[in-house]
Amino acid sequence: MLPRQAGIGAGSPRLGDAELWAALSEVPDPEMPIVNLVELGIVRSAEWQAEQLVVTITPTFAACPAYAVIDQSIRERLQAAGVADVDVRVQHNPAWTTEWMTAAARSKLQAAGLAPPPRHRGNVIQVLMEPVACPRCGSHNTTLQNNFGTTPCRMIYTCVDCKEPFEMFKPL
């Protein structure tokens, strides 16, 4: 956790880029707290405009049900780090894509039993037709059960070999 730095805030020296990104990296995704918003590629930028820090995010879906929690969590974490004035802005264009997820995010999803989205390089239809590997046993002998999982960004599969259900993060 980033320690609170005395004297940071309005009229004081600003947090540098490294400290800002370290603080933002401590904000977990509210629907998948095993990964943070930076790893998911949701946080697009953090820039000082006079004494205000403007954080630009792109939610995974335009109508992301977790948006209010994301906004509040970013504000709280940065204020705890000493940033007095935070403005969180949403940018929908370009739309969020799973291509923005880091390798660390993909590894964490896999370790938690959630199949990470395949890399698609812009060809989502093609990767949706490819077999999905079970995050538990690695088998590609899996079947799609439902296009919608516990959140709009997930799909439900079952592994034929180990018989375990699992979710896959949708490639977007």
N, C-alpha and C. Protein backbone atom coordinates (compact mmCIF):
# COMPACT_ATOMS: atom_id res chain seq x y z
N MET A 1 0.84 -1.18 0.00
CA MET A 1 0.00 0.00 0.00
C MET A 1 0.88 1.24 0.00
N LEU A 2 0.52 2.21 -0.76
CA LEU A 2 1.28 3.46 -0.83
C LEU A 2 1.03 4.25 0.44
N PRO A 3 2.11 4.60 1.19
CA PRO A 3 1.90 5.37 2.42
C PRO A 3 1.43 6.78 2.12
N ARG A 4 0.63 7.30 3.00
CA ARG A 4 0.19 8.69 2.83
C ARG A 4 1.40 9.59 3.04
N GLN A 5 1.59 10.53 2.14
CA GLN A 5 2.72 11.44 2.22
C GLN A 5 2.27 12.77 2.80
N ALA A 6 2.91 13.17 3.88
CA ALA A 6 2.55 14.42 4.54
C ALA A 6 2.79 15.60 3.61
N GLY A 7 1.90 16.57 3.67
CA GLY A 7 2.10 17.79 2.90
C GLY A 7 1.66 17.72 1.45
N ILE A 8 1.07 16.63 1.01
CA ILE A 8 0.64 16.52 -0.38
C ILE A 8 -0.80 17.00 -0.47
N GLY A 9 -1.10 17.81 -1.43
CA GLY A 9 -2.46 18.30 -1.62
C GLY A 9 -2.42 19.69 -2.23
N ALA A 10 -3.50 20.41 -2.14
CA ALA A 10 -3.57 21.74 -2.75
C ALA A 10 -2.47 22.62 -2.17
N GLY A 11 -1.73 23.28 -3.05
CA GLY A 11 -0.66 24.16 -2.63
C GLY A 11 0.62 23.44 -2.23
N SER A 12 0.66 22.13 -2.32
CA SER A 12 1.83 21.35 -1.95
C SER A 12 2.40 20.68 -3.19
N PRO A 13 3.62 20.14 -3.07
CA PRO A 13 4.17 19.41 -4.22
C PRO A 13 3.23 18.27 -4.61
N ARG A 14 3.16 18.02 -5.90
CA ARG A 14 2.26 16.98 -6.41
C ARG A 14 2.92 15.61 -6.35
N LEU A 15 2.06 14.58 -6.33
CA LEU A 15 2.57 13.22 -6.49
C LEU A 15 3.13 13.10 -7.90
N GLY A 16 4.22 12.40 -8.03
CA GLY A 16 4.79 12.15 -9.35
C GLY A 16 4.06 11.03 -10.05
N ASP A 17 4.42 10.81 -11.31
CA ASP A 17 3.77 9.76 -12.11
C ASP A 17 3.88 8.39 -11.45
N ALA A 18 5.05 8.05 -10.94
CA ALA A 18 5.23 6.72 -10.34
C ALA A 18 4.30 6.53 -9.15
N GLU A 19 4.19 7.55 -8.29
CA GLU A 19 3.31 7.44 -7.12
C GLU A 19 1.84 7.39 -7.53
N LEU A 20 1.48 8.18 -8.54
CA LEU A 20 0.09 8.17 -9.01
C LEU A 20 -0.29 6.79 -9.53
N TRP A 21 0.55 6.23 -10.39
CA TRP A 21 0.24 4.93 -10.98
C TRP A 21 0.30 3.82 -9.95
N ALA A 22 1.18 3.96 -8.96
CA ALA A 22 1.22 2.97 -7.87
C ALA A 22 -0.09 3.01 -7.09
N ALA A 23 -0.58 4.21 -6.80
CA ALA A 23 -1.85 4.34 -6.07
C ALA A 23 -3.00 3.79 -6.91
N LEU A 24 -3.05 4.13 -8.18
CA LEU A 24 -4.12 3.64 -9.06
C LEU A 24 -4.06 2.11 -9.19
N SER A 25 -2.86 1.55 -9.12
CA SER A 25 -2.71 0.10 -9.22
C SER A 25 -3.22 -0.63 -7.99
N GLU A 26 -3.54 0.12 -6.95
CA GLU A 26 -4.10 -0.48 -5.74
C GLU A 26 -5.63 -0.47 -5.74
N VAL A 27 -6.23 0.03 -6.80
CA VAL A 27 -7.70 0.07 -6.88
C VAL A 27 -8.16 -1.19 -7.59
N PRO A 28 -8.78 -2.13 -6.84
CA PRO A 28 -9.23 -3.37 -7.47
C PRO A 28 -10.48 -3.16 -8.31
N ASP A 29 -10.64 -4.02 -9.30
CA ASP A 29 -11.89 -4.02 -10.06
C ASP A 29 -12.99 -4.50 -9.11
N PRO A 30 -14.11 -3.78 -8.99
CA PRO A 30 -15.14 -4.18 -8.03
C PRO A 30 -15.79 -5.53 -8.32
N GLU A 31 -15.80 -5.96 -9.57
CA GLU A 31 -16.42 -7.24 -9.91
C GLU A 31 -15.42 -8.39 -9.93
N MET A 32 -14.13 -8.06 -10.04
CA MET A 32 -13.06 -9.07 -10.03
C MET A 32 -11.89 -8.51 -9.23
N PRO A 33 -11.99 -8.50 -7.89
CA PRO A 33 -10.98 -7.83 -7.08
C PRO A 33 -9.58 -8.46 -7.13
N ILE A 34 -9.43 -9.56 -7.82
CA ILE A 34 -8.10 -10.16 -7.97
C ILE A 34 -7.23 -9.37 -8.93
N VAL A 35 -7.83 -8.50 -9.73
CA VAL A 35 -7.08 -7.65 -10.66
C VAL A 35 -7.41 -6.19 -10.39
N ASN A 36 -6.48 -5.32 -10.75
CA ASN A 36 -6.74 -3.90 -10.51
C ASN A 36 -7.11 -3.19 -11.81
N LEU A 37 -7.58 -1.97 -11.67
CA LEU A 37 -8.08 -1.21 -12.82
C LEU A 37 -6.99 -0.88 -13.84
N VAL A 38 -5.76 -0.73 -13.38
CA VAL A 38 -4.65 -0.46 -14.30
C VAL A 38 -4.34 -1.72 -15.10
N GLU A 39 -4.28 -2.88 -14.44
CA GLU A 39 -4.01 -4.14 -15.14
C GLU A 39 -5.07 -4.45 -16.19
N LEU A 40 -6.31 -4.08 -15.90
CA LEU A 40 -7.39 -4.32 -16.86
C LEU A 40 -7.38 -3.33 -18.02
N GLY A 41 -6.62 -2.27 -17.89
CA GLY A 41 -6.58 -1.26 -18.95
C GLY A 41 -7.74 -0.28 -18.88
N ILE A 42 -8.43 -0.26 -17.76
CA ILE A 42 -9.57 0.65 -17.58
C ILE A 42 -9.08 2.08 -17.36
N VAL A 43 -8.00 2.24 -16.60
CA VAL A 43 -7.43 3.57 -16.38
C VAL A 43 -6.60 3.93 -17.60
N ARG A 44 -7.01 4.96 -18.30
CA ARG A 44 -6.34 5.36 -19.55
C ARG A 44 -5.28 6.43 -19.33
N SER A 45 -5.53 7.36 -18.40
CA SER A 45 -4.55 8.41 -18.14
C SER A 45 -4.81 9.05 -16.79
N ALA A 46 -3.78 9.70 -16.27
CA ALA A 46 -3.87 10.50 -15.05
C ALA A 46 -2.99 11.72 -15.28
N GLU A 47 -3.62 12.89 -15.35
CA GLU A 47 -2.90 14.11 -15.70
C GLU A 47 -3.29 15.25 -14.77
N TRP A 48 -2.30 16.01 -14.38
CA TRP A 48 -2.56 17.21 -13.58
C TRP A 48 -3.04 18.33 -14.49
N GLN A 49 -4.12 18.98 -14.08
CA GLN A 49 -4.59 20.20 -14.73
C GLN A 49 -4.71 21.24 -13.61
N ALA A 50 -3.70 22.09 -13.53
CA ALA A 50 -3.54 23.02 -12.41
C ALA A 50 -3.42 22.19 -11.13
N GLU A 51 -4.27 22.42 -10.14
CA GLU A 51 -4.19 21.67 -8.88
C GLU A 51 -5.10 20.44 -8.87
N GLN A 52 -5.78 20.17 -9.96
CA GLN A 52 -6.70 19.04 -10.04
C GLN A 52 -6.07 17.89 -10.82
N LEU A 53 -6.25 16.68 -10.30
CA LEU A 53 -5.80 15.49 -11.01
C LEU A 53 -6.98 14.93 -11.79
N VAL A 54 -6.85 14.83 -13.10
CA VAL A 54 -7.90 14.29 -13.96
C VAL A 54 -7.51 12.87 -14.34
N VAL A 55 -8.35 11.92 -13.94
CA VAL A 55 -8.14 10.51 -14.26
C VAL A 55 -9.18 10.13 -15.31
N THR A 56 -8.71 9.61 -16.43
CA THR A 56 -9.62 9.20 -17.50
C THR A 56 -9.70 7.68 -17.51
N ILE A 57 -10.94 7.18 -17.51
CA ILE A 57 -11.16 5.74 -17.54
C ILE A 57 -12.05 5.37 -18.72
N THR A 58 -11.92 4.13 -19.14
CA THR A 58 -12.81 3.55 -20.14
C THR A 58 -13.36 2.26 -19.54
N PRO A 59 -14.63 2.25 -19.08
CA PRO A 59 -15.20 1.04 -18.51
C PRO A 59 -15.27 -0.09 -19.54
N THR A 60 -15.35 -1.31 -19.05
CA THR A 60 -15.39 -2.47 -19.94
C THR A 60 -16.63 -2.47 -20.82
N PHE A 61 -17.72 -1.92 -20.32
CA PHE A 61 -18.95 -1.78 -21.10
C PHE A 61 -19.45 -0.36 -20.93
N ALA A 62 -20.10 0.19 -21.94
CA ALA A 62 -20.60 1.57 -21.87
C ALA A 62 -21.54 1.76 -20.69
N ALA A 63 -22.35 0.78 -20.40
CA ALA A 63 -23.29 0.86 -19.28
C ALA A 63 -22.81 -0.01 -18.12
N CYS A 64 -21.53 0.03 -17.85
CA CYS A 64 -20.93 -0.79 -16.80
C CYS A 64 -21.64 -0.55 -15.47
N PRO A 65 -22.20 -1.61 -14.86
CA PRO A 65 -22.93 -1.43 -13.61
C PRO A 65 -22.01 -1.05 -12.44
N ALA A 66 -20.71 -1.25 -12.59
CA ALA A 66 -19.77 -0.96 -11.52
C ALA A 66 -19.15 0.43 -11.63
N TYR A 67 -19.61 1.23 -12.58
CA TYR A 67 -18.98 2.54 -12.80
C TYR A 67 -18.93 3.40 -11.54
N ALA A 68 -20.03 3.51 -10.82
CA ALA A 68 -20.06 4.38 -9.63
C ALA A 68 -19.06 3.92 -8.58
N VAL A 69 -18.93 2.61 -8.42
CA VAL A 69 -17.96 2.07 -7.46
C VAL A 69 -16.54 2.34 -7.92
N ILE A 70 -16.28 2.19 -9.22
CA ILE A 70 -14.96 2.48 -9.78
C ILE A 70 -14.60 3.94 -9.53
N ASP A 71 -15.51 4.84 -9.85
CA ASP A 71 -15.30 6.27 -9.66
C ASP A 71 -14.96 6.58 -8.20
N GLN A 72 -15.79 6.07 -7.29
CA GLN A 72 -15.60 6.34 -5.87
C GLN A 72 -14.28 5.73 -5.37
N SER A 73 -13.96 4.53 -5.80
CA SER A 73 -12.73 3.86 -5.35
C SER A 73 -11.48 4.61 -5.80
N ILE A 74 -11.49 5.11 -7.03
CA ILE A 74 -10.35 5.89 -7.53
C ILE A 74 -10.20 7.16 -6.70
N ARG A 75 -11.30 7.87 -6.47
CA ARG A 75 -11.25 9.11 -5.68
C ARG A 75 -10.71 8.84 -4.27
N GLU A 76 -11.25 7.80 -3.62
CA GLU A 76 -10.85 7.50 -2.25
C GLU A 76 -9.37 7.14 -2.17
N ARG A 77 -8.89 6.32 -3.10
CA ARG A 77 -7.48 5.90 -3.05
C ARG A 77 -6.55 7.07 -3.29
N LEU A 78 -6.87 7.91 -4.26
CA LEU A 78 -6.00 9.05 -4.54
C LEU A 78 -6.06 10.09 -3.42
N GLN A 79 -7.23 10.28 -2.82
CA GLN A 79 -7.32 11.20 -1.69
C GLN A 79 -6.53 10.67 -0.50
N ALA A 80 -6.54 9.35 -0.30
CA ALA A 80 -5.73 8.75 0.77
C ALA A 80 -4.23 8.95 0.51
N ALA A 81 -3.87 9.05 -0.76
CA ALA A 81 -2.46 9.29 -1.13
C ALA A 81 -2.11 10.77 -1.07
N GLY A 82 -3.10 11.61 -0.76
CA GLY A 82 -2.83 13.03 -0.60
C GLY A 82 -3.29 13.93 -1.72
N VAL A 83 -4.01 13.40 -2.69
CA VAL A 83 -4.50 14.23 -3.80
C VAL A 83 -5.85 14.82 -3.37
N ALA A 84 -5.88 16.13 -3.21
CA ALA A 84 -7.08 16.79 -2.68
C ALA A 84 -8.21 16.87 -3.69
N ASP A 85 -7.89 17.11 -4.96
CA ASP A 85 -8.93 17.36 -5.97
C ASP A 85 -8.77 16.36 -7.12
N VAL A 86 -9.72 15.43 -7.21
CA VAL A 86 -9.68 14.37 -8.23
C VAL A 86 -10.94 14.46 -9.07
N ASP A 87 -10.77 14.44 -10.38
CA ASP A 87 -11.90 14.41 -11.31
C ASP A 87 -11.75 13.14 -12.15
N VAL A 88 -12.73 12.25 -12.05
CA VAL A 88 -12.71 11.01 -12.83
C VAL A 88 -13.62 11.21 -14.04
N ARG A 89 -13.05 11.07 -15.22
CA ARG A 89 -13.80 11.26 -16.46
C ARG A 89 -13.88 9.95 -17.24
N VAL A 90 -15.00 9.78 -17.93
CA VAL A 90 -15.21 8.58 -18.73
C VAL A 90 -14.98 8.91 -20.20
N GLN A 91 -14.24 8.04 -20.84
CA GLN A 91 -13.99 8.15 -22.29
C GLN A 91 -14.47 6.85 -22.93
N HIS A 92 -15.46 6.94 -23.81
CA HIS A 92 -16.01 5.74 -24.45
C HIS A 92 -15.41 5.46 -25.82
N ASN A 93 -14.67 6.42 -26.36
CA ASN A 93 -14.10 6.23 -27.69
C ASN A 93 -12.60 6.48 -27.63
N PRO A 94 -11.79 5.48 -27.89
CA PRO A 94 -12.16 4.15 -28.37
C PRO A 94 -12.76 3.31 -27.24
N ALA A 95 -13.58 2.36 -27.63
CA ALA A 95 -14.20 1.46 -26.66
C ALA A 95 -13.13 0.57 -26.04
N TRP A 96 -13.37 0.18 -24.78
CA TRP A 96 -12.44 -0.71 -24.08
C TRP A 96 -12.35 -2.03 -24.83
N THR A 97 -11.19 -2.62 -24.81
CA THR A 97 -10.96 -3.91 -25.43
C THR A 97 -10.11 -4.78 -24.51
N THR A 98 -10.32 -6.08 -24.58
CA THR A 98 -9.52 -7.00 -23.77
C THR A 98 -8.06 -6.99 -24.20
N GLU A 99 -7.77 -6.42 -25.34
CA GLU A 99 -6.38 -6.28 -25.77
C GLU A 99 -5.60 -5.35 -24.84
N TRP A 100 -6.30 -4.51 -24.09
CA TRP A 100 -5.65 -3.58 -23.16
C TRP A 100 -5.26 -4.26 -21.85
N MET A 101 -5.73 -5.48 -21.60
CA MET A 101 -5.38 -6.18 -20.37
C MET A 101 -3.90 -6.56 -20.39
N THR A 102 -3.26 -6.44 -19.23
CA THR A 102 -1.85 -6.79 -19.14
C THR A 102 -1.69 -8.30 -18.98
N ALA A 103 -0.47 -8.77 -19.19
CA ALA A 103 -0.16 -10.19 -18.98
C ALA A 103 -0.41 -10.56 -17.52
N ALA A 104 -0.12 -9.65 -16.60
CA ALA A 104 -0.36 -9.91 -15.18
C ALA A 104 -1.84 -10.13 -14.90
N ALA A 105 -2.71 -9.34 -15.52
CA ALA A 105 -4.16 -9.51 -15.33
C ALA A 105 -4.60 -10.87 -15.86
N ARG A 106 -4.12 -11.24 -17.02
CA ARG A 106 -4.48 -12.54 -17.61
C ARG A 106 -4.03 -13.69 -16.71
N SER A 107 -2.83 -13.58 -16.17
CA SER A 107 -2.31 -14.63 -15.28
C SER A 107 -3.14 -14.73 -14.00
N LYS A 108 -3.51 -13.59 -13.44
CA LYS A 108 -4.31 -13.58 -12.21
C LYS A 108 -5.69 -14.18 -12.46
N LEU A 109 -6.30 -13.86 -13.59
CA LEU A 109 -7.61 -14.43 -13.91
C LEU A 109 -7.50 -15.95 -14.02
N GLN A 110 -6.49 -16.41 -14.74
CA GLN A 110 -6.26 -17.86 -14.92
C GLN A 110 -6.08 -18.54 -13.57
N ALA A 111 -5.25 -17.96 -12.70
CA ALA A 111 -4.98 -18.55 -11.38
C ALA A 111 -6.24 -18.60 -10.52
N ALA A 112 -7.17 -17.69 -10.75
CA ALA A 112 -8.42 -17.66 -9.98
C ALA A 112 -9.51 -18.54 -10.58
N GLY A 113 -9.19 -19.25 -11.67
CA GLY A 113 -10.17 -20.14 -12.28
C GLY A 113 -11.08 -19.48 -13.30
N LEU A 114 -10.71 -18.30 -13.76
CA LEU A 114 -11.48 -17.58 -14.77
C LEU A 114 -10.65 -17.54 -16.04
N ALA A 115 -11.15 -18.16 -17.10
CA ALA A 115 -10.39 -18.21 -18.35
C ALA A 115 -10.17 -16.80 -18.88
N PRO A 116 -8.92 -16.40 -19.08
CA PRO A 116 -8.69 -15.07 -19.64
C PRO A 116 -9.11 -15.03 -21.10
N PRO A 117 -9.45 -13.86 -21.59
CA PRO A 117 -9.87 -13.76 -23.00
C PRO A 117 -8.68 -14.01 -23.92
N PRO A 118 -8.91 -14.69 -25.02
CA PRO A 118 -7.81 -14.88 -25.97
C PRO A 118 -7.45 -13.56 -26.64
N ARG A 119 -6.22 -13.45 -27.06
CA ARG A 119 -5.80 -12.27 -27.83
C ARG A 119 -6.49 -12.36 -29.18
N HIS A 120 -7.07 -11.26 -29.66
CA HIS A 120 -7.80 -11.33 -30.92
C HIS A 120 -7.28 -10.39 -32.00
N ARG A 121 -6.51 -9.39 -31.60
CA ARG A 121 -5.94 -8.43 -32.54
C ARG A 121 -6.99 -7.87 -33.51
N GLY A 122 -8.19 -7.65 -32.99
CA GLY A 122 -9.25 -7.04 -33.78
C GLY A 122 -10.20 -8.01 -34.45
N ASN A 123 -9.93 -9.31 -34.39
CA ASN A 123 -10.79 -10.30 -35.04
C ASN A 123 -11.52 -11.11 -33.97
N VAL A 124 -12.50 -10.49 -33.32
CA VAL A 124 -13.21 -11.13 -32.22
C VAL A 124 -14.00 -12.34 -32.68
N ILE A 125 -14.64 -12.28 -33.82
CA ILE A 125 -15.46 -13.40 -34.32
C ILE A 125 -14.62 -14.66 -34.44
N GLN A 126 -13.42 -14.54 -34.95
CA GLN A 126 -12.57 -15.72 -35.13
C GLN A 126 -12.23 -16.36 -33.79
N VAL A 127 -11.84 -15.57 -32.78
CA VAL A 127 -11.47 -16.16 -31.50
C VAL A 127 -12.67 -16.74 -30.76
N LEU A 128 -13.86 -16.22 -30.99
CA LEU A 128 -15.05 -16.79 -30.36
C LEU A 128 -15.35 -18.19 -30.88
N MET A 129 -14.85 -18.51 -32.06
CA MET A 129 -15.09 -19.83 -32.64
C MET A 129 -14.02 -20.84 -32.23
N GLU A 130 -12.94 -20.38 -31.61
CA GLU A 130 -11.86 -21.27 -31.20
C GLU A 130 -12.20 -21.93 -29.87
N PRO A 131 -11.67 -23.14 -29.62
CA PRO A 131 -11.92 -23.81 -28.34
C PRO A 131 -11.34 -23.00 -27.18
N VAL A 132 -12.01 -23.06 -26.05
CA VAL A 132 -11.58 -22.35 -24.85
C VAL A 132 -10.93 -23.35 -23.91
N ALA A 133 -9.75 -23.01 -23.40
CA ALA A 133 -9.05 -23.89 -22.47
C ALA A 133 -9.63 -23.75 -21.07
N CYS A 134 -9.84 -24.87 -20.42
CA CYS A 134 -10.31 -24.88 -19.04
C CYS A 134 -9.20 -24.31 -18.15
N PRO A 135 -9.51 -23.32 -17.31
CA PRO A 135 -8.47 -22.74 -16.45
C PRO A 135 -8.03 -23.68 -15.34
N ARG A 136 -8.77 -24.75 -15.10
CA ARG A 136 -8.41 -25.68 -14.04
C ARG A 136 -7.53 -26.83 -14.52
N CYS A 137 -7.93 -27.46 -15.63
CA CYS A 137 -7.16 -28.64 -16.09
C CYS A 137 -6.44 -28.41 -17.41
N GLY A 138 -6.76 -27.32 -18.10
CA GLY A 138 -6.09 -27.00 -19.36
C GLY A 138 -6.70 -27.64 -20.59
N SER A 139 -7.71 -28.48 -20.42
CA SER A 139 -8.34 -29.15 -21.55
C SER A 139 -9.06 -28.15 -22.45
N HIS A 140 -9.03 -28.42 -23.74
CA HIS A 140 -9.79 -27.62 -24.71
C HIS A 140 -11.14 -28.28 -25.03
N ASN A 141 -11.45 -29.35 -24.34
CA ASN A 141 -12.70 -30.08 -24.52
C ASN A 141 -13.75 -29.42 -23.63
N THR A 142 -14.19 -28.24 -24.04
CA THR A 142 -15.12 -27.44 -23.25
C THR A 142 -16.33 -27.06 -24.09
N THR A 143 -17.43 -26.77 -23.40
CA THR A 143 -18.64 -26.37 -24.11
C THR A 143 -19.21 -25.09 -23.50
N LEU A 144 -19.70 -24.23 -24.37
CA LEU A 144 -20.34 -22.99 -23.94
C LEU A 144 -21.72 -23.32 -23.38
N GLN A 145 -22.00 -22.86 -22.17
CA GLN A 145 -23.30 -23.09 -21.54
C GLN A 145 -24.21 -21.87 -21.66
N ASN A 146 -23.59 -20.67 -21.56
CA ASN A 146 -24.38 -19.45 -21.60
C ASN A 146 -23.50 -18.29 -22.04
N ASN A 147 -24.02 -17.45 -22.91
CA ASN A 147 -23.26 -16.28 -23.37
C ASN A 147 -23.11 -15.21 -22.30
N PHE A 148 -23.84 -15.35 -21.20
CA PHE A 148 -23.77 -14.37 -20.12
C PHE A 148 -23.48 -15.06 -18.81
N GLY A 149 -22.46 -14.55 -18.11
CA GLY A 149 -22.07 -15.09 -16.82
C GLY A 149 -22.57 -14.21 -15.70
N THR A 150 -21.80 -14.17 -14.62
CA THR A 150 -22.19 -13.39 -13.45
C THR A 150 -22.10 -11.89 -13.68
N THR A 151 -21.37 -11.49 -14.72
CA THR A 151 -21.29 -10.09 -15.12
C THR A 151 -21.45 -10.04 -16.63
N PRO A 152 -21.78 -8.89 -17.21
CA PRO A 152 -21.96 -8.82 -18.66
C PRO A 152 -20.70 -9.15 -19.46
N CYS A 153 -19.54 -9.08 -18.82
CA CYS A 153 -18.29 -9.31 -19.56
C CYS A 153 -17.80 -10.76 -19.46
N ARG A 154 -18.64 -11.68 -19.00
CA ARG A 154 -18.22 -13.08 -18.86
C ARG A 154 -19.19 -14.03 -19.56
N MET A 155 -18.68 -15.22 -19.90
CA MET A 155 -19.47 -16.29 -20.50
C MET A 155 -19.26 -17.55 -19.64
N ILE A 156 -20.25 -18.43 -19.60
CA ILE A 156 -20.15 -19.64 -18.78
C ILE A 156 -19.87 -20.85 -19.67
N TYR A 157 -18.84 -21.60 -19.29
CA TYR A 157 -18.45 -22.83 -19.98
C TYR A 157 -18.44 -23.98 -18.99
N THR A 158 -18.41 -25.20 -19.52
CA THR A 158 -18.19 -26.40 -18.72
C THR A 158 -17.09 -27.20 -19.39
N CYS A 159 -16.19 -27.73 -18.56
CA CYS A 159 -15.13 -28.59 -19.07
C CYS A 159 -15.67 -30.02 -19.11
N VAL A 160 -15.61 -30.63 -20.28
CA VAL A 160 -16.10 -32.00 -20.44
C VAL A 160 -15.19 -32.98 -19.70
N ASP A 161 -13.89 -32.70 -19.64
CA ASP A 161 -12.95 -33.63 -19.02
C ASP A 161 -12.98 -33.60 -17.50
N CYS A 162 -12.86 -32.42 -16.88
CA CYS A 162 -12.83 -32.37 -15.42
C CYS A 162 -14.21 -32.08 -14.82
N LYS A 163 -15.20 -31.83 -15.69
CA LYS A 163 -16.60 -31.62 -15.30
C LYS A 163 -16.84 -30.32 -14.53
N GLU A 164 -15.87 -29.44 -14.50
CA GLU A 164 -16.00 -28.19 -13.75
C GLU A 164 -16.58 -27.07 -14.61
N PRO A 165 -17.53 -26.32 -14.08
CA PRO A 165 -17.99 -25.12 -14.78
C PRO A 165 -16.96 -24.01 -14.55
N PHE A 166 -16.87 -23.10 -15.48
CA PHE A 166 -15.98 -21.95 -15.31
C PHE A 166 -16.48 -20.81 -16.18
N GLU A 167 -16.01 -19.64 -15.87
CA GLU A 167 -16.35 -18.47 -16.67
C GLU A 167 -15.15 -18.05 -17.50
N MET A 168 -15.45 -17.47 -18.65
CA MET A 168 -14.41 -16.90 -19.49
C MET A 168 -14.70 -15.42 -19.65
N PHE A 169 -13.68 -14.61 -19.52
CA PHE A 169 -13.81 -13.19 -19.77
C PHE A 169 -14.01 -13.02 -21.27
N LYS A 170 -15.08 -12.35 -21.69
CA LYS A 170 -15.39 -12.20 -23.11
C LYS A 170 -14.30 -11.41 -23.83
N PRO A 171 -13.88 -11.89 -25.00
CA PRO A 171 -12.95 -11.08 -25.79
C PRO A 171 -13.72 -9.94 -26.44
N LEU A 172 -13.30 -8.75 -26.19
CA LEU A 172 -13.97 -7.57 -26.74
C LEU A 172 -12.97 -6.72 -27.48
